[in-house]
Protein backbone atom coordinates (compact mmCIF):
# COMPACT_ATOMS: atom_id res chain seq x y z
CA MET A 1 0.00 0.00 0.00
CA LEU A 2 2.76 2.44 0.94
CA ARG A 3 4.90 1.71 -2.12
CA PRO A 4 2.56 3.37 -4.69
CA ILE A 5 2.22 6.37 -2.37
CA ARG A 6 6.01 6.73 -2.17
CA HIS A 7 6.25 6.48 -5.94
CA LEU A 8 3.55 9.13 -6.34
CA PHE A 9 5.38 11.56 -4.06
CA ARG A 10 8.62 10.88 -5.92
CA GLY A 11 6.78 11.48 -9.17
CA VAL A 12 5.55 14.85 -7.93
CA ARG A 13 9.13 15.87 -7.14
CA VAL A 14 10.30 14.76 -10.58
CA VAL A 15 7.57 16.81 -12.27
CA ARG A 16 8.49 19.88 -10.21
CA VAL A 17 12.13 19.64 -11.27
CA LEU A 18 11.16 19.16 -14.92
CA MET A 19 8.86 22.19 -14.66
CA ARG A 20 11.63 24.32 -13.19
CA HIS A 21 13.90 23.45 -16.10
CA ARG A 22 11.12 23.90 -18.69
CA ALA A 23 11.67 20.28 -19.71
CA LEU A 24 8.08 19.07 -20.01
CA PHE A 25 8.22 19.21 -23.81
CA PHE A 26 7.45 15.49 -24.09
CA VAL A 27 3.85 16.02 -22.86
CA ASP A 28 2.99 16.49 -26.53
CA LEU A 29 3.40 12.73 -26.87
CA LEU A 30 0.65 12.07 -24.33
CA PRO A 31 -3.09 12.13 -25.13
CA LEU A 32 -3.88 14.61 -22.38
CA PRO A 33 -7.14 16.58 -22.29
CA PRO A 34 -6.91 20.18 -23.57
CA PHE A 35 -7.00 21.74 -20.08
CA ALA A 36 -4.02 19.59 -19.00
CA MET A 37 -2.07 20.57 -22.11
CA ARG A 38 -2.76 24.25 -21.38
CA LEU A 39 -1.65 23.71 -17.79
CA ALA A 40 1.63 22.14 -18.87
CA ALA A 41 2.31 24.63 -21.68
CA PRO A 42 4.16 27.25 -19.54
CA TRP A 43 6.68 24.58 -18.49
CA SER A 44 7.04 22.81 -21.83
CA GLY A 45 9.78 25.22 -22.85
CA ARG A 46 8.35 25.98 -26.29
CA LYS A 47 9.66 29.53 -26.03
CA ALA A 48 12.92 28.62 -24.31
CA THR A 49 16.22 29.61 -25.92
CA ARG A 50 18.11 26.39 -25.07
CA ARG A 51 17.43 23.12 -26.87
CA PRO A 52 14.98 20.64 -25.28
CA GLY A 53 17.67 18.01 -24.82
CA GLN A 54 19.91 20.46 -22.97
CA ARG A 55 17.10 21.45 -20.60
CA LEU A 56 16.22 17.81 -19.97
CA ALA A 57 19.86 16.95 -19.30
CA ASP A 58 20.09 19.72 -16.67
CA ALA A 59 16.93 18.42 -14.98
CA LEU A 60 18.26 14.86 -14.90
CA VAL A 61 21.52 15.99 -13.31
CA GLU A 62 19.55 17.74 -10.55
CA LEU A 63 17.37 14.68 -9.97
CA GLY A 64 20.37 12.50 -9.20
CA PRO A 65 22.55 9.55 -10.25
CA SER A 66 19.84 7.17 -11.44
CA PHE A 67 18.25 9.84 -13.60
CA VAL A 68 21.61 10.68 -15.18
CA LYS A 69 22.04 7.02 -16.06
CA LEU A 70 18.49 6.95 -17.42
CA GLY A 71 19.33 9.92 -19.65
CA GLN A 72 22.37 8.06 -20.96
CA THR A 73 20.14 5.07 -21.72
CA LEU A 74 17.64 7.26 -23.56
CA ALA A 75 20.52 8.64 -25.61
CA VAL A 76 20.58 5.36 -27.55
CA ARG A 77 16.79 5.43 -28.13
CA PRO A 78 16.14 8.28 -30.60
CA ASP A 79 12.77 6.68 -31.36
CA ILE A 80 11.53 7.76 -27.92
CA MET A 81 12.63 11.38 -27.64
CA GLY A 82 13.77 12.16 -31.17
CA SER A 83 17.23 12.37 -32.71
CA ASP A 84 18.03 15.91 -31.54
CA VAL A 85 17.16 15.21 -27.90
CA ALA A 86 19.04 11.89 -28.00
CA ARG A 87 22.10 13.70 -29.35
CA ASP A 88 22.03 16.17 -26.45
CA LEU A 89 21.56 13.38 -23.93
CA ALA A 90 24.52 11.54 -25.44
CA ARG A 91 26.67 14.46 -24.27
CA LEU A 92 25.32 14.09 -20.75
CA GLN A 93 28.34 13.71 -18.52
CA ASP A 94 27.55 12.50 -15.04
CA ARG A 95 29.77 15.01 -13.25
CA LEU A 96 28.17 15.56 -9.87
CA GLU A 97 29.14 17.04 -6.53
CA PRO A 98 31.77 14.87 -4.79
CA PHE A 99 31.31 13.35 -1.37
CA PRO A 100 33.91 13.98 1.38
CA GLY A 101 37.26 12.30 0.98
CA GLU A 102 37.11 11.07 4.57
CA GLN A 103 34.08 8.97 3.68
CA ALA A 104 35.93 7.54 0.68
CA MET A 105 38.91 6.61 2.86
CA ALA A 106 36.66 4.97 5.46
CA LEU A 107 34.93 2.93 2.78
CA ILE A 108 38.29 1.83 1.33
CA GLU A 109 39.44 0.64 4.74
CA ARG A 110 36.22 -1.32 5.31
CA GLU A 111 36.35 -2.91 1.87
CA LEU A 112 40.04 -3.78 1.78
CA GLY A 113 40.48 -4.53 5.49
CA ALA A 114 43.55 -2.35 6.04
CA PRO A 115 44.36 1.31 6.82
CA VAL A 116 44.73 3.65 3.85
CA ALA A 117 48.22 4.52 5.10
CA PHE A 118 49.20 0.85 4.80
CA LEU A 119 47.60 0.35 1.37
CA PHE A 120 49.04 3.51 -0.19
CA ARG A 121 52.15 5.58 0.29
CA GLY A 122 50.06 8.63 -0.49
CA PHE A 123 46.33 9.22 -0.99
CA ASP A 124 44.76 12.48 -2.15
CA PRO A 125 41.46 12.98 -0.25
CA VAL A 126 40.31 15.53 -2.86
CA PRO A 127 38.66 13.65 -5.74
CA VAL A 128 39.68 14.43 -9.31
CA ALA A 129 36.32 13.35 -10.74
CA ALA A 130 32.87 12.72 -9.31
CA ALA A 131 30.31 10.77 -11.33
CA SER A 132 26.82 9.52 -10.60
CA ILE A 133 27.89 6.21 -9.08
CA ALA A 134 31.47 6.72 -7.94
CA GLN A 135 34.31 9.20 -7.65
CA VAL A 136 38.04 8.92 -8.34
CA HIS A 137 41.06 9.78 -6.17
CA PHE A 138 44.70 9.77 -7.15
CA ALA A 139 47.06 7.75 -4.97
CA LEU A 140 50.60 6.39 -4.80
CA LEU A 141 51.36 2.71 -4.24
CA PRO A 142 54.07 1.61 -1.78
CA ASP A 143 56.36 0.82 -4.76
CA GLY A 144 55.92 4.34 -6.14
CA ARG A 145 53.48 3.63 -8.98
CA GLU A 146 50.71 6.17 -9.54
CA VAL A 147 47.16 4.85 -9.50
CA ALA A 148 43.57 6.08 -9.68
CA VAL A 149 41.21 4.73 -7.01
CA LYS A 150 37.52 4.57 -7.86
CA VAL A 151 35.16 4.46 -4.88
CA LEU A 152 31.40 3.92 -4.93
CA ARG A 153 29.24 6.64 -3.39
CA PRO A 154 28.07 5.72 0.12
CA GLY A 155 24.57 4.27 -0.01
CA VAL A 156 24.41 4.43 -3.80
CA GLU A 157 23.21 0.83 -4.18
CA ALA A 158 20.11 1.38 -2.05
CA ALA A 159 19.39 4.72 -3.75
CA ILE A 160 19.76 3.18 -7.19
CA GLU A 161 17.38 0.31 -6.34
CA ARG A 162 14.75 2.76 -5.07
CA GLU A 163 14.97 4.82 -8.25
CA LEU A 164 14.92 1.73 -10.49
CA ALA A 165 11.75 0.56 -8.74
CA PHE A 166 10.23 4.00 -9.39
CA PHE A 167 11.22 3.91 -13.06
CA LEU A 168 9.66 0.47 -13.50
CA TRP A 169 6.44 1.56 -11.76
CA LEU A 170 6.28 4.66 -13.95
CA ALA A 171 6.94 2.70 -17.15
CA GLU A 172 4.22 0.19 -16.28
CA ALA A 173 1.81 3.06 -15.57
CA VAL A 174 2.61 4.68 -18.93
CA GLU A 175 1.98 1.42 -20.79
CA TYR A 176 -1.32 0.94 -18.94
CA LEU A 177 -2.63 4.49 -19.27
CA PHE A 178 -1.34 5.24 -22.78
CA PRO A 179 -1.56 2.06 -24.91
CA HIS A 180 -0.36 3.86 -28.05
CA LEU A 181 3.04 4.37 -26.35
CA ARG A 182 3.59 0.66 -25.84
CA ARG A 183 5.39 0.51 -29.19
CA LEU A 184 8.20 2.46 -27.50
CA ARG A 185 8.52 -0.34 -24.94
CA PRO A 186 9.12 1.80 -21.86
CA VAL A 187 9.17 -1.23 -19.55
CA GLU A 188 11.84 -3.00 -21.63
CA THR A 189 13.86 0.23 -21.81
CA VAL A 190 13.82 0.53 -18.01
CA LYS A 191 14.85 -3.10 -17.64
CA VAL A 192 17.81 -2.59 -19.98
CA HIS A 193 18.74 0.56 -18.06
CA ALA A 194 18.53 -1.39 -14.79
CA MET A 195 20.76 -4.14 -16.16
CA TRP A 196 23.47 -1.71 -17.24
CA THR A 197 23.30 0.26 -14.00
CA ARG A 198 23.50 -2.79 -11.71
CA ARG A 199 26.57 -4.02 -13.56
CA GLU A 200 28.30 -0.72 -12.87
CA LEU A 201 27.66 -1.11 -9.14
CA ASP A 202 30.09 -4.03 -8.85
CA LEU A 203 33.56 -2.65 -9.50
CA ARG A 204 35.01 -6.16 -9.64
CA LEU A 205 33.16 -6.60 -12.93
CA GLU A 206 34.75 -3.41 -14.24
CA ALA A 207 38.17 -4.67 -13.18
CA ALA A 208 37.55 -7.98 -14.96
CA ALA A 209 36.43 -6.13 -18.08
CA ALA A 210 39.59 -4.02 -18.05
CA ALA A 211 41.76 -7.12 -17.65
CA GLU A 212 40.02 -8.93 -20.53
CA PHE A 213 40.20 -5.82 -22.69
CA ALA A 214 43.94 -5.50 -21.95
CA ARG A 215 44.54 -9.12 -22.94
CA ASN A 216 42.65 -8.71 -26.21
CA CYS A 217 44.59 -5.57 -27.16
CA ALA A 218 48.01 -6.57 -25.82
CA ASP A 219 49.59 -6.67 -29.29
CA ASP A 220 47.78 -3.64 -30.77
CA GLU A 221 50.26 -0.94 -31.73
CA GLY A 222 49.48 2.53 -30.40
CA PHE A 223 46.80 1.36 -27.99
CA ARG A 224 46.96 0.08 -24.45
CA VAL A 225 44.71 -0.52 -21.43
CA PRO A 226 45.68 0.52 -17.87
CA TYR A 227 46.64 -2.32 -15.53
CA VAL A 228 44.42 -3.40 -12.63
CA ASP A 229 45.74 -3.57 -9.06
CA TRP A 230 43.75 -6.59 -7.88
CA GLU A 231 45.09 -6.39 -4.30
CA ARG A 232 43.34 -3.03 -3.88
CA THR A 233 40.16 -3.89 -5.74
CA SER A 234 36.85 -5.11 -4.32
CA ARG A 235 33.11 -4.75 -4.93
CA ARG A 236 33.13 -1.05 -4.00
CA VAL A 237 36.77 -0.10 -4.69
CA LEU A 238 38.69 -0.28 -7.96
CA THR A 239 42.37 0.59 -8.32
CA LEU A 240 43.75 1.16 -11.80
CA GLU A 241 46.93 2.61 -13.26
CA ARG A 242 46.78 6.41 -13.37
CA VAL A 243 46.52 7.68 -16.92
CA SER A 244 47.92 11.00 -18.08
CA GLY A 245 47.28 12.43 -21.49
CA THR A 246 45.22 14.74 -23.65
CA PRO A 247 41.49 14.12 -24.26
CA SER A 248 40.99 12.73 -27.75
CA ASP A 249 38.83 15.62 -28.98
CA GLN A 250 41.40 18.38 -28.31
CA ARG A 251 42.88 18.53 -31.80
CA GLU A 252 44.78 21.80 -31.35
CA ARG A 253 46.53 20.62 -28.18
CA LEU A 254 47.54 17.40 -29.89
CA ILE A 255 49.06 19.37 -32.78
CA GLU A 256 50.93 21.60 -30.31
CA GLN A 257 52.46 18.47 -28.81
CA GLY A 258 53.76 17.45 -32.23
CA LEU A 259 51.19 14.69 -32.77
CA ASP A 260 49.43 14.00 -36.06
CA PRO A 261 45.61 13.85 -35.58
CA ASP A 262 45.24 11.86 -38.81
CA GLN A 263 47.61 9.20 -37.53
CA ILE A 264 45.67 9.03 -34.27
CA LEU A 265 42.45 8.75 -36.26
CA ASP A 266 43.89 5.83 -38.23
CA ARG A 267 44.78 4.08 -34.98
CA ALA A 268 41.36 4.81 -33.52
CA ALA A 269 39.68 3.26 -36.57
CA VAL A 270 41.79 0.11 -36.28
CA VAL A 271 41.09 -0.07 -32.54
CA PHE A 272 37.35 0.27 -33.12
CA PHE A 273 37.40 -2.42 -35.80
CA ASN A 274 39.42 -4.80 -33.61
CA GLN A 275 37.08 -4.35 -30.65
CA VAL A 276 33.87 -4.94 -32.59
CA PHE A 277 34.78 -7.45 -35.31
CA ARG A 278 37.97 -9.17 -34.21
CA ASP A 279 37.25 -9.56 -30.48
CA GLY A 280 33.50 -9.04 -30.16
CA PHE A 281 34.19 -7.18 -26.89
CA PHE A 282 34.10 -3.40 -27.06
CA HIS A 283 34.27 -0.36 -24.82
CA ALA A 284 30.76 1.08 -24.98
CA ASP A 285 31.54 4.48 -23.44
CA MET A 286 34.66 5.76 -25.20
CA HIS A 287 33.68 9.41 -25.33
CA PRO A 288 36.52 11.99 -25.28
CA GLY A 289 36.41 12.19 -21.47
CA ASN A 290 37.24 8.48 -21.33
CA THR A 291 39.88 8.43 -24.09
CA PHE A 292 43.33 9.98 -23.63
CA ILE A 293 46.27 10.42 -25.99
CA GLU A 294 49.68 10.01 -24.38
CA PRO A 295 52.67 12.13 -25.49
CA ASP A 296 53.87 9.40 -27.85
CA GLY A 297 50.44 9.17 -29.51
CA THR A 298 49.28 6.01 -27.72
CA ILE A 299 45.51 5.84 -27.19
CA VAL A 300 44.53 4.89 -23.63
CA PRO A 301 40.89 4.34 -22.56
CA VAL A 302 39.55 4.54 -19.01
CA ASP A 303 36.24 3.68 -17.30
CA PHE A 304 35.29 0.11 -18.20
CA GLY A 305 31.92 0.04 -16.45
CA ILE A 306 29.92 -0.33 -19.67
CA MET A 307 31.24 -2.93 -22.09
CA GLY A 308 29.48 -4.64 -25.01
CA ARG A 309 29.85 -8.17 -26.23
CA LEU A 310 29.02 -9.67 -29.66
CA ASP A 311 29.27 -13.35 -30.57
CA LEU A 312 30.67 -14.38 -33.96
CA ASP A 313 27.26 -14.98 -35.51
CA THR A 314 26.11 -11.47 -34.52
CA ARG A 315 29.26 -9.98 -36.02
CA LYS A 316 28.57 -11.82 -39.27
CA TYR A 317 25.00 -10.54 -39.32
CA LEU A 318 26.24 -6.99 -38.74
CA ALA A 319 28.73 -7.32 -41.59
CA GLU A 320 26.00 -8.59 -43.91
CA ILE A 321 23.69 -5.73 -42.94
CA LEU A 322 26.48 -3.24 -43.63
CA VAL A 323 27.23 -4.84 -47.02
CA GLY A 324 23.53 -4.91 -47.86
CA PHE A 325 23.19 -1.18 -47.24
CA LEU A 326 26.36 -0.23 -49.10
CA ASP A 327 25.26 -2.38 -52.07
CA ARG A 328 21.71 -1.04 -51.79
CA ASP A 329 20.51 -4.64 -51.51
CA TYR A 330 17.69 -3.93 -49.06
CA ARG A 331 16.09 -7.34 -49.50
CA ARG A 332 19.31 -8.83 -48.18
CA VAL A 333 19.11 -6.52 -45.17
CA ALA A 334 15.57 -7.75 -44.46
CA ASP A 335 16.63 -11.40 -44.90
CA VAL A 336 19.49 -10.98 -42.43
CA PHE A 337 17.20 -9.52 -39.76
CA VAL A 338 14.87 -12.51 -40.16
CA ARG A 339 17.66 -15.10 -40.34
CA ALA A 340 19.26 -13.65 -37.20
CA GLY A 341 15.97 -14.02 -35.36
CA TYR A 342 15.69 -10.29 -34.70
CA VAL A 343 12.46 -10.02 -36.71
CA PRO A 344 9.82 -12.84 -36.75
CA ALA A 345 9.78 -14.93 -39.91
CA ASP A 346 6.09 -14.23 -40.50
CA GLU A 347 6.68 -10.48 -40.90
CA ASP A 348 6.44 -8.96 -44.40
CA ARG A 349 10.02 -8.96 -45.72
CA ASP A 350 9.16 -6.86 -48.74
CA ALA A 351 7.69 -4.18 -46.47
CA PHE A 352 10.79 -4.32 -44.26
CA ALA A 353 13.05 -4.01 -47.32
CA GLN A 354 11.04 -1.00 -48.45
CA ALA A 355 11.46 0.62 -45.03
CA ALA A 356 15.20 -0.06 -45.19
CA ARG A 357 15.34 1.58 -48.62
CA ALA A 358 13.60 4.67 -47.23
CA ILE A 359 16.44 4.94 -44.69
CA GLY A 360 19.35 4.08 -46.95
CA GLU A 361 18.66 5.99 -50.14
CA PRO A 362 18.71 9.55 -48.68
CA ILE A 363 21.96 8.78 -46.84
CA LEU A 364 24.02 6.65 -49.20
CA GLY A 365 24.01 9.26 -51.97
CA LYS A 366 26.19 11.54 -49.84
CA PRO A 367 30.00 11.57 -49.70
CA LEU A 368 31.33 8.97 -47.26
CA ASN A 369 32.67 11.59 -44.86
CA ASP A 370 29.11 12.93 -44.46
CA ILE A 371 27.58 9.53 -43.72
CA SER A 372 26.97 8.44 -40.13
CA ILE A 373 26.89 4.65 -40.17
CA GLY A 374 26.02 4.75 -36.47
CA ARG A 375 22.90 6.83 -37.06
CA LEU A 376 21.94 4.73 -40.09
CA PHE A 377 22.22 1.61 -37.92
CA GLY A 378 20.14 3.28 -35.21
CA GLN A 379 17.41 4.11 -37.71
CA ILE A 380 17.22 0.55 -39.03
CA LEU A 381 16.94 -0.76 -35.45
CA THR A 382 14.06 1.67 -34.88
CA VAL A 383 12.33 0.46 -38.05
CA ALA A 384 12.91 -3.17 -37.07
CA GLU A 385 11.07 -2.59 -33.81
CA GLN A 386 8.00 -1.67 -35.85
CA PHE A 387 8.25 -5.18 -37.32
CA LYS A 388 8.11 -6.76 -33.83
CA MET A 389 11.84 -6.90 -33.27
CA GLN A 390 12.59 -7.71 -29.66
CA GLN A 391 14.96 -5.31 -27.96
CA GLN A 392 18.64 -6.19 -28.44
CA PRO A 393 20.66 -4.45 -25.69
CA HIS A 394 24.01 -5.39 -27.23
CA LEU A 395 23.00 -3.81 -30.55
CA LEU A 396 21.83 -0.64 -28.80
CA LEU A 397 25.20 -0.41 -27.07
CA LEU A 398 26.98 -0.93 -30.38
CA GLN A 399 24.92 1.77 -32.07
CA LYS A 400 25.76 4.22 -29.30
CA THR A 401 29.45 3.27 -29.57
CA MET A 402 29.41 3.82 -33.34
CA VAL A 403 28.03 7.33 -32.93
CA VAL A 404 30.57 8.20 -30.22
CA ALA A 405 33.45 6.79 -32.31
CA GLU A 406 32.34 8.85 -35.30
CA GLY A 407 32.20 11.95 -33.10
CA VAL A 408 35.74 11.37 -31.84
CA GLY A 409 36.92 10.84 -35.42
CA ARG A 410 35.33 14.07 -36.64
CA ALA A 411 36.91 15.98 -33.75
CA LEU A 412 40.32 14.75 -34.91
CA ASN A 413 39.63 15.47 -38.59
CA PRO A 414 36.23 16.85 -39.66
CA SER A 415 36.83 15.97 -43.32
CA VAL A 416 37.44 12.25 -42.71
CA ASN A 417 34.97 9.61 -41.58
CA ILE A 418 36.35 6.91 -39.30
CA TRP A 419 34.67 4.36 -41.58
CA GLN A 420 36.85 5.50 -44.49
CA THR A 421 39.88 4.26 -42.58
CA ALA A 422 38.20 1.13 -41.25
CA GLN A 423 36.57 0.19 -44.57
CA PRO A 424 39.49 -1.94 -45.91
CA LEU A 425 39.65 -3.82 -42.59
CA VAL A 426 35.90 -4.46 -42.62
CA ALA A 427 36.05 -5.59 -46.27
CA GLN A 428 38.88 -8.01 -45.47
CA TRP A 429 37.03 -9.37 -42.45
CA ILE A 430 33.88 -9.87 -44.54
CA ALA A 431 35.87 -11.68 -47.23
CA VAL A 432 37.39 -14.02 -44.66
CA HIS A 433 34.22 -14.74 -42.68
CA LEU A 434 31.49 -14.51 -45.34
CA GLY A 435 33.27 -15.61 -48.51
CA PRO A 436 33.02 -19.03 -50.22
CA GLN A 437 36.04 -20.37 -48.35
CA ALA A 438 34.53 -19.33 -45.02
CA LYS A 439 31.23 -21.05 -45.85
CA ALA A 440 33.10 -24.22 -46.87
CA MET A 441 35.04 -24.13 -43.59
CA GLU A 442 31.79 -23.67 -41.66
CA LEU A 443 30.25 -26.69 -43.37
CA ALA A 444 33.38 -28.69 -42.62
CA ARG A 445 33.22 -27.70 -38.94
CA GLU A 446 29.56 -28.70 -38.75
CA ALA A 447 30.34 -32.05 -40.39
CA TYR A 448 33.22 -32.55 -37.94
CA ASP A 449 30.91 -31.78 -35.02
CA VAL A 450 28.41 -34.35 -36.27
CA MET A 451 31.22 -36.92 -36.59
CA GLN A 452 32.37 -36.10 -33.06
CA ARG A 453 28.87 -36.75 -31.75
CA ALA A 454 28.38 -39.91 -33.80
CA PRO A 455 29.99 -42.31 -31.25
CA VAL A 456 27.74 -40.94 -28.54
CA VAL A 457 24.70 -41.44 -30.79
CA LEU A 458 25.72 -45.02 -31.57
CA ARG A 459 26.29 -45.82 -27.88
CA ARG A 460 22.85 -44.47 -26.99
CA LEU A 461 21.29 -46.51 -29.79
CA GLU A 462 23.14 -49.59 -28.56
CA ARG A 463 21.86 -49.09 -25.01
CA THR A 464 18.35 -48.61 -26.37
CA LEU A 465 18.57 -51.87 -28.38
CA ILE A 466 19.77 -53.76 -25.32
CA ARG A 467 16.84 -52.46 -23.30
CA LEU A 468 14.47 -53.39 -26.12
CA GLU A 469 15.98 -56.87 -26.27
CA HIS A 470 15.36 -57.37 -22.55
CA HIS A 471 11.74 -56.44 -23.09
CA HIS A 472 11.45 -58.36 -26.35
CA THR A 473 8.42 -60.28 -25.27
CA VAL A 474 6.51 -57.17 -24.27
CA LEU A 475 7.40 -55.45 -27.50
CA LYS A 476 6.46 -58.48 -29.54
CA ASP A 477 3.03 -58.64 -28.00
CA ARG A 478 2.19 -54.96 -27.68
CA ALA A 479 4.35 -52.75 -29.87
CA PRO A 480 4.54 -52.78 -33.67
CA ILE A 481 7.87 -52.45 -35.41
CA TRP A 482 7.22 -48.84 -36.41
CA LEU A 483 7.36 -47.85 -32.74
CA PHE A 484 10.97 -48.91 -32.59
CA LEU A 485 11.81 -47.05 -35.78
CA VAL A 486 10.16 -43.84 -34.53
CA LEU A 487 11.97 -44.12 -31.21
CA ALA A 488 15.34 -44.64 -32.89
CA ALA A 489 14.80 -41.75 -35.29
CA PHE A 490 13.75 -39.43 -32.47
CA LEU A 491 16.78 -40.36 -30.39
CA LEU A 492 19.12 -39.83 -33.33
CA GLY A 493 17.58 -36.47 -34.22
CA TRP A 494 17.60 -35.25 -30.62
CA THR A 495 21.26 -36.19 -30.19
CA ILE A 496 22.46 -34.53 -33.39
CA ARG A 497 20.43 -31.40 -32.67
């Protein structure tokens, strides 16, 4: 009984903050009666000078950590708020007021079971960065190495869970009260947001992601991942190598340091390709604030809380979709979405291909440096949802990463698209994994797998025959021969499957 009341009071506070920031512009999406629309009009911001997305971002920052994370989730859903608002939310940086350094030190001591003075030779109680979930302090290890210590905000887990429960309640209410908005899947969006946020609350997962990422990229020239200090890492504390460098979007500073932005862009394109296609494990939040360029031009990422993962089949589907668009073979694009299981097989493929053409034709006629593959991919995902595509969180993360990577590339050189550099690598990967030789190898692997399972199948058939022989009399009297054949065929099919 009390839970809905708490959610209602929290909802009132949210509306008040949105009103103060003139960020109620989305009420136009709701079928409200005319008097309610007139009531909300003064706070919709229709006459405001700043863009709607900017006003909404300011309101979310004031509302707190969970709302900032929600804004970042909405940034990859332009179908909900529109492309312009999503673009402004994508720039939402969760820089919030820090909490006292003494609290951070106390939490470190509780988590790691030792005094800060024993764990570190020096520890700066003044944080260098404060985000929605954690803040970062610089420190010095006993052996003299410089590290960055990430510490969760006190009580953030409980606060996050309360806000996630509110979001889910609100999303369910929206779906119930406004059926025409169900196509936007607010409940599924909140669940995806909750999944990403909960993962960020366990810093051991971030440490593991950084370690895996470092292993994948160990031999990549001009790119490296900071090391993890596992002795000083726990659920609420993460200790990484301190990174110094220039943010990747500061082109002029990089030139002043004698670095070539085009060379950095080439490396960034290779890095992006390797993450997505070679490894299937990519950094999903590599905005300029999380990507630094060292004095020798090495690219170093930080903040591994949000990572994406793609299996080999998904990577092949993505490559086929990309080839289909570039070749203007929209039927192939539709077939891939169905074959991948993203869109049900009973949906109209010709209609889907037509929708894909409506997206591709206005874009693909432009010069390559003017094309945003990330936004094109986002639009096709939006269209696919209209054909009953279930939400694919990993694809949403990839789409967001594509847009961010393109933004970083344009900051380094506005006249070059990162895909121009990565295109030969993608073409080579497609030739290797989708060409005739690759298909022959895949058939050979499947045949080998069947041969590997064959002894198991034969042993199971043998055991079945022995059992049938023991019950020969019963079978002879009661079961026709076709029963045995059906049983054997079913067992063989089940085993091979």
